[in-house]
Amino acid sequence: MRATALRATQSDHDILDALNTDYINSVQHSDVKRFDEILAPDFYCSNPDGSLVDRAAFLSQTAQPVAIKNLKAEDVMIRIIGNTAIIHARTSFVKPDGTQGRGRYTDVWMRHDESWLAVSAHVNRL
């Protein structure tokens, strides 16, 4: 479905909720193709280890299979401020040793023409 048609049938909140789900699923399944579609050219990510990576490095690290399983977003809060959206959420997942893990993330999205693109992400894991 074209972006303009999608926008006519869904609210920005619904679109961002779906993009948030895509983002989480792309992390879990190393879906570089989907990330390539939804990340802005100037995207940056603060990783849980404290490193800051640009779009190219993020796509490269995403191509590697993740060790965690059952990644889920919980308590998702979507705030839309003009052409900017901020998504805050908790995460739960299973660590490689089988114990439960948790974390938080904040993603910033900006509207570019008729679509939303992620411009920034900050990830924390406990």
PDB file of N, CA and C in Angstrom:
ATOM      1  N   MET A   1       0.851  -1.178   0.000  1.00  0.00           N
ATOM      2  CA  MET A   1       0.000   0.000   0.000  1.00  0.00           C
ATOM      3  C   MET A   1       0.891   1.233   0.000  1.00  0.00           C
ATOM      4  N   ARG A   2       0.569   2.191  -0.805  1.00  0.00           N
ATOM      5  CA  ARG A   2       1.352   3.419  -0.889  1.00  0.00           C
ATOM      6  C   ARG A   2       1.228   4.209   0.405  1.00  0.00           C
ATOM      7  N   ALA A   3       2.260   4.999   0.700  1.00  0.00           N
ATOM      8  CA  ALA A   3       2.290   5.772   1.939  1.00  0.00           C
ATOM      9  C   ALA A   3       1.101   6.720   2.045  1.00  0.00           C
ATOM     10  N   THR A   4       0.726   7.353   0.939  1.00  0.00           N
ATOM     11  CA  THR A   4      -0.403   8.293   1.001  1.00  0.00           C
ATOM     12  C   THR A   4      -1.700   7.561   1.282  1.00  0.00           C
ATOM     13  N   ALA A   5      -1.887   6.398   0.686  1.00  0.00           N
ATOM     14  CA  ALA A   5      -3.095   5.622   0.948  1.00  0.00           C
ATOM     15  C   ALA A   5      -3.090   5.114   2.384  1.00  0.00           C
ATOM     16  N   LEU A   6      -1.923   4.683   2.876  1.00  0.00           N
ATOM     17  CA  LEU A   6      -1.815   4.201   4.238  1.00  0.00           C
ATOM     18  C   LEU A   6      -2.142   5.326   5.209  1.00  0.00           C
ATOM     19  N   ARG A   7      -1.622   6.503   4.938  1.00  0.00           N
ATOM     20  CA  ARG A   7      -1.850   7.647   5.813  1.00  0.00           C
ATOM     21  C   ARG A   7      -3.328   8.024   5.849  1.00  0.00           C
ATOM     22  N   ALA A   8      -4.020   7.843   4.747  1.00  0.00           N
ATOM     23  CA  ALA A   8      -5.442   8.181   4.697  1.00  0.00           C
ATOM     24  C   ALA A   8      -6.277   7.229   5.539  1.00  0.00           C
ATOM     25  N   THR A   9      -5.797   5.999   5.740  1.00  0.00           N
ATOM     26  CA  THR A   9      -6.586   5.015   6.463  1.00  0.00           C
ATOM     27  C   THR A   9      -6.116   4.795   7.897  1.00  0.00           C
ATOM     28  N   GLN A  10      -4.957   5.300   8.256  1.00  0.00           N
ATOM     29  CA  GLN A  10      -4.424   5.116   9.591  1.00  0.00           C
ATOM     30  C   GLN A  10      -3.990   6.444  10.191  1.00  0.00           C
ATOM     31  N   SER A  11      -4.119   6.559  11.498  1.00  0.00           N
ATOM     32  CA  SER A  11      -3.615   7.751  12.166  1.00  0.00           C
ATOM     33  C   SER A  11      -2.098   7.648  12.301  1.00  0.00           C
ATOM     34  N   ASP A  12      -1.452   8.767  12.542  1.00  0.00           N
ATOM     35  CA  ASP A  12      -0.006   8.750  12.759  1.00  0.00           C
ATOM     36  C   ASP A  12       0.345   7.843  13.937  1.00  0.00           C
ATOM     37  N   HIS A  13      -0.475   7.858  14.972  1.00  0.00           N
ATOM     38  CA  HIS A  13      -0.234   6.996  16.125  1.00  0.00           C
ATOM     39  C   HIS A  13      -0.243   5.527  15.710  1.00  0.00           C
ATOM     40  N   ASP A  14      -1.226   5.129  14.903  1.00  0.00           N
ATOM     41  CA  ASP A  14      -1.304   3.740  14.425  1.00  0.00           C
ATOM     42  C   ASP A  14      -0.092   3.383  13.566  1.00  0.00           C
ATOM     43  N   ILE A  15       0.309   4.309  12.711  1.00  0.00           N
ATOM     44  CA  ILE A  15       1.466   4.072  11.839  1.00  0.00           C
ATOM     45  C   ILE A  15       2.724   3.896  12.684  1.00  0.00           C
ATOM     46  N   LEU A  16       2.923   4.774  13.670  1.00  0.00           N
ATOM     47  CA  LEU A  16       4.104   4.685  14.530  1.00  0.00           C
ATOM     48  C   LEU A  16       4.075   3.428  15.393  1.00  0.00           C
ATOM     49  N   ASP A  17       2.900   3.025  15.831  1.00  0.00           N
ATOM     50  CA  ASP A  17       2.776   1.782  16.593  1.00  0.00           C
ATOM     51  C   ASP A  17       3.216   0.590  15.735  1.00  0.00           C
ATOM     52  N   ALA A  18       2.794   0.567  14.485  1.00  0.00           N
ATOM     53  CA  ALA A  18       3.187  -0.508  13.568  1.00  0.00           C
ATOM     54  C   ALA A  18       4.692  -0.455  13.275  1.00  0.00           C
ATOM     55  N   LEU A  19       5.235   0.748  13.094  1.00  0.00           N
ATOM     56  CA  LEU A  19       6.674   0.895  12.855  1.00  0.00           C
ATOM     57  C   LEU A  19       7.482   0.443  14.078  1.00  0.00           C
ATOM     58  N   ASN A  20       6.977   0.737  15.263  1.00  0.00           N
ATOM     59  CA  ASN A  20       7.641   0.291  16.484  1.00  0.00           C
ATOM     60  C   ASN A  20       7.688  -1.243  16.534  1.00  0.00           C
ATOM     61  N   THR A  21       6.593  -1.876  16.184  1.00  0.00           N
ATOM     62  CA  THR A  21       6.547  -3.343  16.127  1.00  0.00           C
ATOM     63  C   THR A  21       7.539  -3.864  15.093  1.00  0.00           C
ATOM     64  N   ASP A  22       7.573  -3.228  13.927  1.00  0.00           N
ATOM     65  CA  ASP A  22       8.542  -3.615  12.887  1.00  0.00           C
ATOM     66  C   ASP A  22       9.973  -3.485  13.403  1.00  0.00           C
ATOM     67  N   TYR A  23      10.248  -2.412  14.126  1.00  0.00           N
ATOM     68  CA  TYR A  23      11.594  -2.164  14.642  1.00  0.00           C
ATOM     69  C   TYR A  23      12.003  -3.286  15.598  1.00  0.00           C
ATOM     70  N   ILE A  24      11.142  -3.603  16.548  1.00  0.00           N
ATOM     71  CA  ILE A  24      11.437  -4.667  17.525  1.00  0.00           C
ATOM     72  C   ILE A  24      11.612  -6.011  16.811  1.00  0.00           C
ATOM     73  N   ASN A  25      10.711  -6.325  15.879  1.00  0.00           N
ATOM     74  CA  ASN A  25      10.820  -7.583  15.132  1.00  0.00           C
ATOM     75  C   ASN A  25      12.092  -7.624  14.291  1.00  0.00           C
ATOM     76  N   SER A  26      12.490  -6.485  13.749  1.00  0.00           N
ATOM     77  CA  SER A  26      13.712  -6.421  12.937  1.00  0.00           C
ATOM     78  C   SER A  26      14.950  -6.658  13.783  1.00  0.00           C
ATOM     79  N   VAL A  27      14.939  -6.176  15.022  1.00  0.00           N
ATOM     80  CA  VAL A  27      16.051  -6.459  15.931  1.00  0.00           C
ATOM     81  C   VAL A  27      16.114  -7.965  16.186  1.00  0.00           C
ATOM     82  N   GLN A  28      14.972  -8.552  16.553  1.00  0.00           N
ATOM     83  CA  GLN A  28      14.947  -9.971  16.916  1.00  0.00           C
ATOM     84  C   GLN A  28      15.345 -10.881  15.753  1.00  0.00           C
ATOM     85  N   HIS A  29      14.958 -10.505  14.541  1.00  0.00           N
ATOM     86  CA  HIS A  29      15.167 -11.381  13.383  1.00  0.00           C
ATOM     87  C   HIS A  29      16.268 -10.904  12.429  1.00  0.00           C
ATOM     88  N   SER A  30      17.078  -9.934  12.869  1.00  0.00           N
ATOM     89  CA  SER A  30      18.193  -9.414  12.061  1.00  0.00           C
ATOM     90  C   SER A  30      17.730  -8.987  10.668  1.00  0.00           C
ATOM     91  N   ASP A  31      16.622  -8.275  10.616  1.00  0.00           N
ATOM     92  CA  ASP A  31      15.994  -7.887   9.349  1.00  0.00           C
ATOM     93  C   ASP A  31      16.584  -6.570   8.824  1.00  0.00           C
ATOM     94  N   VAL A  32      17.738  -6.669   8.210  1.00  0.00           N
ATOM     95  CA  VAL A  32      18.433  -5.497   7.675  1.00  0.00           C
ATOM     96  C   VAL A  32      17.593  -4.824   6.592  1.00  0.00           C
ATOM     97  N   LYS A  33      16.903  -5.593   5.788  1.00  0.00           N
ATOM     98  CA  LYS A  33      16.082  -5.035   4.703  1.00  0.00           C
ATOM     99  C   LYS A  33      15.009  -4.089   5.253  1.00  0.00           C
ATOM    100  N   ARG A  34      14.316  -4.509   6.307  1.00  0.00           N
ATOM    101  CA  ARG A  34      13.271  -3.652   6.876  1.00  0.00           C
ATOM    102  C   ARG A  34      13.888  -2.411   7.514  1.00  0.00           C
ATOM    103  N   PHE A  35      15.002  -2.587   8.226  1.00  0.00           N
ATOM    104  CA  PHE A  35      15.663  -1.421   8.801  1.00  0.00           C
ATOM    105  C   PHE A  35      16.090  -0.446   7.713  1.00  0.00           C
ATOM    106  N   ASP A  36      16.570  -0.955   6.595  1.00  0.00           N
ATOM    107  CA  ASP A  36      16.986  -0.089   5.492  1.00  0.00           C
ATOM    108  C   ASP A  36      15.823   0.775   5.004  1.00  0.00           C
ATOM    109  N   GLU A  37      14.608   0.274   5.136  1.00  0.00           N
ATOM    110  CA  GLU A  37      13.411   1.004   4.706  1.00  0.00           C
ATOM    111  C   GLU A  37      12.960   2.057   5.718  1.00  0.00           C
ATOM    112  N   ILE A  38      13.207   1.828   7.015  1.00  0.00           N
ATOM    113  CA  ILE A  38      12.614   2.698   8.034  1.00  0.00           C
ATOM    114  C   ILE A  38      13.606   3.603   8.764  1.00  0.00           C
ATOM    115  N   LEU A  39      14.892   3.493   8.449  1.00  0.00           N
ATOM    116  CA  LEU A  39      15.882   4.363   9.093  1.00  0.00           C
ATOM    117  C   LEU A  39      16.213   5.555   8.202  1.00  0.00           C
ATOM    118  N   ALA A  40      16.263   6.727   8.793  1.00  0.00           N
ATOM    119  CA  ALA A  40      16.657   7.938   8.068  1.00  0.00           C
ATOM    120  C   ALA A  40      18.139   7.844   7.693  1.00  0.00           C
ATOM    121  N   PRO A  41      18.538   8.554   6.642  1.00  0.00           N
ATOM    122  CA  PRO A  41      19.959   8.534   6.244  1.00  0.00           C
ATOM    123  C   PRO A  41      20.904   8.978   7.368  1.00  0.00           C
ATOM    124  N   ASP A  42      20.441   9.872   8.249  1.00  0.00           N
ATOM    125  CA  ASP A  42      21.288  10.395   9.329  1.00  0.00           C
ATOM    126  C   ASP A  42      21.017   9.719  10.674  1.00  0.00           C
ATOM    127  N   PHE A  43      20.494   8.486  10.662  1.00  0.00           N
ATOM    128  CA  PHE A  43      20.177   7.719  11.869  1.00  0.00           C
ATOM    129  C   PHE A  43      21.425   7.437  12.707  1.00  0.00           C
ATOM    130  N   TYR A  44      21.273   7.527  14.027  1.00  0.00           N
ATOM    131  CA  TYR A  44      22.300   7.122  14.990  1.00  0.00           C
ATOM    132  C   TYR A  44      21.650   6.318  16.103  1.00  0.00           C
ATOM    133  N   CYS A  45      22.416   5.380  16.669  1.00  0.00           N
ATOM    134  CA  CYS A  45      21.921   4.555  17.764  1.00  0.00           C
ATOM    135  C   CYS A  45      22.952   4.512  18.883  1.00  0.00           C
ATOM    136  N   SER A  46      22.486   4.746  20.110  1.00  0.00           N
ATOM    137  CA  SER A  46      23.291   4.521  21.313  1.00  0.00           C
ATOM    138  C   SER A  46      23.011   3.098  21.764  1.00  0.00           C
ATOM    139  N   ASN A  47      24.025   2.247  21.695  1.00  0.00           N
ATOM    140  CA  ASN A  47      23.888   0.834  22.037  1.00  0.00           C
ATOM    141  C   ASN A  47      23.965   0.608  23.546  1.00  0.00           C
ATOM    142  N   PRO A  48      23.495  -0.557  24.002  1.00  0.00           N
ATOM    143  CA  PRO A  48      23.553  -0.869  25.434  1.00  0.00           C
ATOM    144  C   PRO A  48      24.976  -0.850  26.005  1.00  0.00           C
ATOM    145  N   ASP A  49      25.991  -1.091  25.166  1.00  0.00           N
ATOM    146  CA  ASP A  49      27.379  -1.081  25.648  1.00  0.00           C
ATOM    147  C   ASP A  49      27.969   0.329  25.713  1.00  0.00           C
ATOM    148  N   GLY A  50      27.172   1.339  25.369  1.00  0.00           N
ATOM    149  CA  GLY A  50      27.623   2.724  25.426  1.00  0.00           C
ATOM    150  C   GLY A  50      28.169   3.266  24.119  1.00  0.00           C
ATOM    151  N   SER A  51      28.302   2.417  23.106  1.00  0.00           N
ATOM    152  CA  SER A  51      28.810   2.887  21.818  1.00  0.00           C
ATOM    153  C   SER A  51      27.722   3.641  21.054  1.00  0.00           C
ATOM    154  N   LEU A  52      28.164   4.557  20.224  1.00  0.00           N
ATOM    155  CA  LEU A  52      27.273   5.317  19.349  1.00  0.00           C
ATOM    156  C   LEU A  52      27.614   4.926  17.920  1.00  0.00           C
ATOM    157  N   VAL A  53      26.614   4.431  17.173  1.00  0.00           N
ATOM    158  CA  VAL A  53      26.862   3.972  15.807  1.00  0.00           C
ATOM    159  C   VAL A  53      25.973   4.709  14.825  1.00  0.00           C
ATOM    160  N   ASP A  54      26.523   4.944  13.631  1.00  0.00           N
ATOM    161  CA  ASP A  54      25.739   5.573  12.573  1.00  0.00           C
ATOM    162  C   ASP A  54      24.911   4.501  11.853  1.00  0.00           C
ATOM    163  N   ARG A  55      24.185   4.923  10.861  1.00  0.00           N
ATOM    164  CA  ARG A  55      23.267   4.033  10.143  1.00  0.00           C
ATOM    165  C   ARG A  55      23.988   2.816   9.558  1.00  0.00           C
ATOM    166  N   ALA A  56      25.101   3.050   8.881  1.00  0.00           N
ATOM    167  CA  ALA A  56      25.832   1.950   8.240  1.00  0.00           C
ATOM    168  C   ALA A  56      26.313   0.931   9.269  1.00  0.00           C
ATOM    169  N   ALA A  57      26.857   1.401  10.376  1.00  0.00           N
ATOM    170  CA  ALA A  57      27.329   0.490  11.428  1.00  0.00           C
ATOM    171  C   ALA A  57      26.164  -0.228  12.087  1.00  0.00           C
ATOM    172  N   PHE A  58      25.039   0.460  12.255  1.00  0.00           N
ATOM    173  CA  PHE A  58      23.852  -0.167  12.833  1.00  0.00           C
ATOM    174  C   PHE A  58      23.351  -1.296  11.933  1.00  0.00           C
ATOM    175  N   LEU A  59      23.285  -1.035  10.630  1.00  0.00           N
ATOM    176  CA  LEU A  59      22.838  -2.079   9.701  1.00  0.00           C
ATOM    177  C   LEU A  59      23.804  -3.266   9.719  1.00  0.00           C
ATOM    178  N   SER A  60      25.085  -2.983   9.823  1.00  0.00           N
ATOM    179  CA  SER A  60      26.088  -4.049   9.878  1.00  0.00           C
ATOM    180  C   SER A  60      25.929  -4.893  11.145  1.00  0.00           C
ATOM    181  N   GLN A  61      25.726  -4.232  12.290  1.00  0.00           N
ATOM    182  CA  GLN A  61      25.556  -4.997  13.527  1.00  0.00           C
ATOM    183  C   GLN A  61      24.221  -5.729  13.540  1.00  0.00           C
ATOM    184  N   THR A  62      23.215  -5.177  12.886  1.00  0.00           N
ATOM    185  CA  THR A  62      21.910  -5.826  12.819  1.00  0.00           C
ATOM    186  C   THR A  62      21.969  -7.110  12.000  1.00  0.00           C
ATOM    187  N   ALA A  63      22.862  -7.170  11.043  1.00  0.00           N
ATOM    188  CA  ALA A  63      22.987  -8.366  10.201  1.00  0.00           C
ATOM    189  C   ALA A  63      23.457  -9.581  11.003  1.00  0.00           C
ATOM    190  N   GLN A  64      24.079  -9.338  12.168  1.00  0.00           N
ATOM    191  CA  GLN A  64      24.539 -10.435  13.016  1.00  0.00           C
ATOM    192  C   GLN A  64      23.365 -10.960  13.847  1.00  0.00           C
ATOM    193  N   PRO A  65      23.187 -12.265  13.919  1.00  0.00           N
ATOM    194  CA  PRO A  65      22.095 -12.812  14.742  1.00  0.00           C
ATOM    195  C   PRO A  65      22.242 -12.363  16.202  1.00  0.00           C
ATOM    196  N   VAL A  66      21.117 -12.027  16.824  1.00  0.00           N
ATOM    197  CA  VAL A  66      21.147 -11.625  18.229  1.00  0.00           C
ATOM    198  C   VAL A  66      21.080 -12.853  19.126  1.00  0.00           C
ATOM    199  N   ALA A  67      21.679 -12.739  20.299  1.00  0.00           N
ATOM    200  CA  ALA A  67      21.721 -13.856  21.231  1.00  0.00           C
ATOM    201  C   ALA A  67      20.460 -13.939  22.087  1.00  0.00           C
ATOM    202  N   ILE A  68      19.722 -12.841  22.167  1.00  0.00           N
ATOM    203  CA  ILE A  68      18.510 -12.842  22.988  1.00  0.00           C
ATOM    204  C   ILE A  68      17.341 -13.442  22.210  1.00  0.00           C
ATOM    205  N   LYS A  69      16.341 -13.896  22.952  1.00  0.00           N
ATOM    206  CA  LYS A  69      15.142 -14.476  22.339  1.00  0.00           C
ATOM    207  C   LYS A  69      13.888 -13.851  22.953  1.00  0.00           C
ATOM    208  N   ASN A  70      12.786 -13.981  22.224  1.00  0.00           N
ATOM    209  CA  ASN A  70      11.472 -13.517  22.705  1.00  0.00           C
ATOM    210  C   ASN A  70      11.460 -12.040  23.089  1.00  0.00           C
ATOM    211  N   LEU A  71      12.104 -11.216  22.275  1.00  0.00           N
ATOM    212  CA  LEU A  71      12.132  -9.775  22.527  1.00  0.00           C
ATOM    213  C   LEU A  71      10.727  -9.199  22.372  1.00  0.00           C
ATOM    214  N   LYS A  72      10.290  -8.495  23.415  1.00  0.00           N
ATOM    215  CA  LYS A  72       8.952  -7.886  23.397  1.00  0.00           C
ATOM    216  C   LYS A  72       9.035  -6.456  23.906  1.00  0.00           C
ATOM    217  N   ALA A  73       8.247  -5.588  23.299  1.00  0.00           N
ATOM    218  CA  ALA A  73       8.102  -4.212  23.775  1.00  0.00           C
ATOM    219  C   ALA A  73       6.883  -4.155  24.682  1.00  0.00           C
ATOM    220  N   GLU A  74       7.020  -3.453  25.798  1.00  0.00           N
ATOM    221  CA  GLU A  74       5.930  -3.338  26.767  1.00  0.00           C
ATOM    222  C   GLU A  74       5.795  -1.886  27.199  1.00  0.00           C
ATOM    223  N   ASP A  75       4.609  -1.528  27.656  1.00  0.00           N
ATOM    224  CA  ASP A  75       4.356  -0.158  28.129  1.00  0.00           C
ATOM    225  C   ASP A  75       4.827   0.883  27.125  1.00  0.00           C
ATOM    226  N   VAL A  76       4.454   0.686  25.885  1.00  0.00           N
ATOM    227  CA  VAL A  76       4.869   1.592  24.803  1.00  0.00           C
ATOM    228  C   VAL A  76       4.119   2.918  24.926  1.00  0.00           C
ATOM    229  N   MET A  77       4.870   4.008  24.940  1.00  0.00           N
ATOM    230  CA  MET A  77       4.289   5.349  24.953  1.00  0.00           C
ATOM    231  C   MET A  77       4.752   6.073  23.700  1.00  0.00           C
ATOM    232  N   ILE A  78       3.801   6.522  22.891  1.00  0.00           N
ATOM    233  CA  ILE A  78       4.096   7.251  21.656  1.00  0.00           C
ATOM    234  C   ILE A  78       3.656   8.695  21.839  1.00  0.00           C
ATOM    235  N   ARG A  79       4.614   9.603  21.714  1.00  0.00           N
ATOM    236  CA  ARG A  79       4.300  11.036  21.803  1.00  0.00           C
ATOM    237  C   ARG A  79       4.596  11.674  20.465  1.00  0.00           C
ATOM    238  N   ILE A  80       3.619  12.368  19.917  1.00  0.00           N
ATOM    239  CA  ILE A  80       3.782  13.043  18.630  1.00  0.00           C
ATOM    240  C   ILE A  80       3.786  14.547  18.883  1.00  0.00           C
ATOM    241  N   ILE A  81       4.865  15.181  18.447  1.00  0.00           N
ATOM    242  CA  ILE A  81       5.031  16.623  18.628  1.00  0.00           C
ATOM    243  C   ILE A  81       5.355  17.193  17.257  1.00  0.00           C
ATOM    244  N   GLY A  82       4.333  17.667  16.561  1.00  0.00           N
ATOM    245  CA  GLY A  82       4.525  18.172  15.205  1.00  0.00           C
ATOM    246  C   GLY A  82       4.961  17.057  14.271  1.00  0.00           C
ATOM    247  N   ASN A  83       6.102  17.249  13.608  1.00  0.00           N
ATOM    248  CA  ASN A  83       6.631  16.245  12.680  1.00  0.00           C
ATOM    249  C   ASN A  83       7.629  15.307  13.346  1.00  0.00           C
ATOM    250  N   THR A  84       7.649  15.309  14.672  1.00  0.00           N
ATOM    251  CA  THR A  84       8.549  14.454  15.438  1.00  0.00           C
ATOM    252  C   THR A  84       7.733  13.549  16.350  1.00  0.00           C
ATOM    253  N   ALA A  85       8.183  12.317  16.492  1.00  0.00           N
ATOM    254  CA  ALA A  85       7.552  11.386  17.422  1.00  0.00           C
ATOM    255  C   ALA A  85       8.635  10.762  18.283  1.00  0.00           C
ATOM    256  N   ILE A  86       8.317  10.595  19.556  1.00  0.00           N
ATOM    257  CA  ILE A  86       9.236   9.955  20.495  1.00  0.00           C
ATOM    258  C   ILE A  86       8.516   8.736  21.057  1.00  0.00           C
ATOM    259  N   ILE A  87       9.185   7.594  20.976  1.00  0.00           N
ATOM    260  CA  ILE A  87       8.605   6.355  21.490  1.00  0.00           C
ATOM    261  C   ILE A  87       9.467   5.877  22.642  1.00  0.00           C
ATOM    262  N   HIS A  88       8.832   5.715  23.807  1.00  0.00           N
ATOM    263  CA  HIS A  88       9.480   5.171  25.001  1.00  0.00           C
ATOM    264  C   HIS A  88       8.854   3.805  25.271  1.00  0.00           C
ATOM    265  N   ALA A  89       9.659   2.837  25.681  1.00  0.00           N
ATOM    266  CA  ALA A  89       9.099   1.529  26.023  1.00  0.00           C
ATOM    267  C   ALA A  89      10.070   0.732  26.876  1.00  0.00           C
ATOM    268  N   ARG A  90       9.507  -0.267  27.546  1.00  0.00           N
ATOM    269  CA  ARG A  90      10.306  -1.267  28.248  1.00  0.00           C
ATOM    270  C   ARG A  90      10.448  -2.461  27.322  1.00  0.00           C
ATOM    271  N   THR A  91      11.489  -3.249  27.541  1.00  0.00           N
ATOM    272  CA  THR A  91      11.633  -4.499  26.810  1.00  0.00           C
ATOM    273  C   THR A  91      11.787  -5.650  27.787  1.00  0.00           C
ATOM    274  N   SER A  92      11.361  -6.813  27.341  1.00  0.00           N
ATOM    275  CA  SER A  92      11.652  -8.050  28.049  1.00  0.00           C
ATOM    276  C   SER A  92      12.162  -9.035  27.013  1.00  0.00           C
ATOM    277  N   PHE A  93      13.036  -9.923  27.454  1.00  0.00           N
ATOM    278  CA  PHE A  93      13.641 -10.897  26.546  1.00  0.00           C
ATOM    279  C   PHE A  93      14.280 -12.000  27.377  1.00  0.00           C
ATOM    280  N   VAL A  94      14.669 -13.055  26.708  1.00  0.00           N
ATOM    281  CA  VAL A  94      15.371 -14.152  27.355  1.00  0.00           C
ATOM    282  C   VAL A  94      16.837 -14.082  26.947  1.00  0.00           C
ATOM    283  N   LYS A  95      17.706 -14.042  27.955  1.00  0.00           N
ATOM    284  CA  LYS A  95      19.156 -13.982  27.725  1.00  0.00           C
ATOM    285  C   LYS A  95      19.663 -15.350  27.248  1.00  0.00           C
ATOM    286  N   PRO A  96      20.869 -15.388  26.678  1.00  0.00           N
ATOM    287  CA  PRO A  96      21.427 -16.659  26.206  1.00  0.00           C
ATOM    288  C   PRO A  96      21.496 -17.747  27.282  1.00  0.00           C
ATOM    289  N   ASP A  97      21.649 -17.337  28.561  1.00  0.00           N
ATOM    290  CA  ASP A  97      21.718 -18.332  29.633  1.00  0.00           C
ATOM    291  C   ASP A  97      20.343 -18.786  30.113  1.00  0.00           C
ATOM    292  N   GLY A  98      19.276 -18.276  29.464  1.00  0.00           N
ATOM    293  CA  GLY A  98      17.915 -18.678  29.799  1.00  0.00           C
ATOM    294  C   GLY A  98      17.237 -17.822  30.843  1.00  0.00           C
ATOM    295  N   THR A  99      17.963 -16.866  31.448  1.00  0.00           N
ATOM    296  CA  THR A  99      17.348 -15.987  32.434  1.00  0.00           C
ATOM    297  C   THR A  99      16.612 -14.839  31.738  1.00  0.00           C
ATOM    298  N   GLN A 100      15.716 -14.237  32.475  1.00  0.00           N
ATOM    299  CA  GLN A 100      14.922 -13.124  31.947  1.00  0.00           C
ATOM    300  C   GLN A 100      15.761 -11.852  31.932  1.00  0.00           C
ATOM    301  N   GLY A 101      15.684 -11.107  30.848  1.00  0.00           N
ATOM    302  CA  GLY A 101      16.340  -9.816  30.735  1.00  0.00           C
ATOM    303  C   GLY A 101      15.302  -8.729  30.550  1.00  0.00           C
ATOM    304  N   ARG A 102      15.730  -7.523  30.792  1.00  0.00           N
ATOM    305  CA  ARG A 102      14.822  -6.390  30.590  1.00  0.00           C
ATOM    306  C   ARG A 102      15.635  -5.169  30.198  1.00  0.00           C
ATOM    307  N   GLY A 103      14.944  -4.178  29.713  1.00  0.00           N
ATOM    308  CA  GLY A 103      15.618  -2.953  29.314  1.00  0.00           C
ATOM    309  C   GLY A 103      14.617  -1.863  28.991  1.00  0.00           C
ATOM    310  N   ARG A 104      15.128  -0.772  28.445  1.00  0.00           N
ATOM    311  CA  ARG A 104      14.298   0.349  27.998  1.00  0.00           C
ATOM    312  C   ARG A 104      14.882   0.868  26.707  1.00  0.00           C
ATOM    313  N   TYR A 105      14.046   1.513  25.936  1.00  0.00           N
ATOM    314  CA  TYR A 105      14.550   2.204  24.749  1.00  0.00           C
ATOM    315  C   TYR A 105      13.734   3.456  24.497  1.00  0.00           C
ATOM    316  N   THR A 106      14.376   4.376  23.813  1.00  0.00           N
ATOM    317  CA  THR A 106      13.726   5.595  23.338  1.00  0.00           C
ATOM    318  C   THR A 106      14.123   5.746  21.877  1.00  0.00           C
ATOM    319  N   ASP A 107      13.127   5.825  21.011  1.00  0.00           N
ATOM    320  CA  ASP A 107      13.359   6.034  19.582  1.00  0.00           C
ATOM    321  C   ASP A 107      12.740   7.361  19.177  1.00  0.00           C
ATOM    322  N   VAL A 108      13.425   8.064  18.308  1.00  0.00           N
ATOM    323  CA  VAL A 108      12.915   9.330  17.780  1.00  0.00           C
ATOM    324  C   VAL A 108      12.657   9.146  16.290  1.00  0.00           C
ATOM    325  N   TRP A 109      11.456   9.516  15.874  1.00  0.00           N
ATOM    326  CA  TRP A 109      11.029   9.406  14.478  1.00  0.00           C
ATOM    327  C   TRP A 109      10.692  10.795  13.970  1.00  0.00           C
ATOM    328  N   MET A 110      10.946  11.032  12.690  1.00  0.00           N
ATOM    329  CA  MET A 110      10.562  12.294  12.065  1.00  0.00           C
ATOM    330  C   MET A 110       9.779  12.004  10.792  1.00  0.00           C
ATOM    331  N   ARG A 111       8.794  12.836  10.561  1.00  0.00           N
ATOM    332  CA  ARG A 111       8.014  12.689   9.333  1.00  0.00           C
ATOM    333  C   ARG A 111       8.820  13.291   8.180  1.00  0.00           C
ATOM    334  N   HIS A 112       9.009  12.489   7.152  1.00  0.00           N
ATOM    335  CA  HIS A 112       9.686  12.917   5.919  1.00  0.00           C
ATOM    336  C   HIS A 112       8.659  12.747   4.807  1.00  0.00           C
ATOM    337  N   ASP A 113       8.189  13.853   4.266  1.00  0.00           N
ATOM    338  CA  ASP A 113       7.111  13.826   3.281  1.00  0.00           C
ATOM    339  C   ASP A 113       5.913  13.094   3.888  1.00  0.00           C
ATOM    340  N   GLU A 114       5.534  11.960   3.346  1.00  0.00           N
ATOM    341  CA  GLU A 114       4.351  11.238   3.821  1.00  0.00           C
ATOM    342  C   GLU A 114       4.683  10.034   4.703  1.00  0.00           C
ATOM    343  N   SER A 115       5.951   9.867   5.056  1.00  0.00           N
ATOM    344  CA  SER A 115       6.302   8.688   5.856  1.00  0.00           C
ATOM    345  C   SER A 115       7.100   9.088   7.088  1.00  0.00           C
ATOM    346  N   TRP A 116       7.168   8.184   8.055  1.00  0.00           N
ATOM    347  CA  TRP A 116       7.946   8.368   9.261  1.00  0.00           C
ATOM    348  C   TRP A 116       9.233   7.557   9.146  1.00  0.00           C
ATOM    349  N   LEU A 117      10.372   8.168   9.538  1.00  0.00           N
ATOM    350  CA  LEU A 117      11.656   7.478   9.538  1.00  0.00           C
ATOM    351  C   LEU A 117      12.310   7.647  10.909  1.00  0.00           C
ATOM    352  N   ALA A 118      12.957   6.591  11.372  1.00  0.00           N
ATOM    353  CA  ALA A 118      13.681   6.650  12.647  1.00  0.00           C
ATOM    354  C   ALA A 118      14.961   7.448  12.454  1.00  0.00           C
ATOM    355  N   VAL A 119      15.201   8.415  13.319  1.00  0.00           N
ATOM    356  CA  VAL A 119      16.413   9.237  13.243  1.00  0.00           C
ATOM    357  C   VAL A 119      17.365   8.942  14.399  1.00  0.00           C
ATOM    358  N   SER A 120      16.843   8.365  15.487  1.00  0.00           N
ATOM    359  CA  SER A 120      17.675   8.129  16.651  1.00  0.00           C
ATOM    360  C   SER A 120      17.100   7.012  17.507  1.00  0.00           C
ATOM    361  N   ALA A 121      17.989   6.248  18.136  1.00  0.00           N
ATOM    362  CA  ALA A 121      17.572   5.214  19.070  1.00  0.00           C
ATOM    363  C   ALA A 121      18.557   5.184  20.230  1.00  0.00           C
ATOM    364  N   HIS A 122      18.029   4.940  21.408  1.00  0.00           N
ATOM    365  CA  HIS A 122      18.854   4.764  22.596  1.00  0.00           C
ATOM    366  C   HIS A 122      18.364   3.515  23.307  1.00  0.00           C
ATOM    367  N   VAL A 123      19.265   2.544  23.507  1.00  0.00           N
ATOM    368  CA  VAL A 123      18.876   1.240  24.048  1.00  0.00           C
ATOM    369  C   VAL A 123      19.644   0.979  25.342  1.00  0.00           C
ATOM    370  N   ASN A 124      18.921   0.512  26.347  1.00  0.00           N
ATOM    371  CA  ASN A 124      19.513   0.150  27.625  1.00  0.00           C
ATOM    372  C   ASN A 124      19.032  -1.248  27.988  1.00  0.00           C
ATOM    373  N   ARG A 125      19.948  -2.114  28.378  1.00  0.00           N
ATOM    374  CA  ARG A 125      19.573  -3.461  28.834  1.00  0.00           C
ATOM    375  C   ARG A 125      20.107  -3.675  30.223  1.00  0.00           C
ATOM    376  N   LEU A 126      19.290  -4.308  31.045  1.00  0.00           N
ATOM    377  CA  LEU A 126      19.675  -4.582  32.444  1.00  0.00           C
ATOM    378  C   LEU A 126      19.941  -6.055  32.648  1.00  0.00           C
TER     379      LEU A 126
END
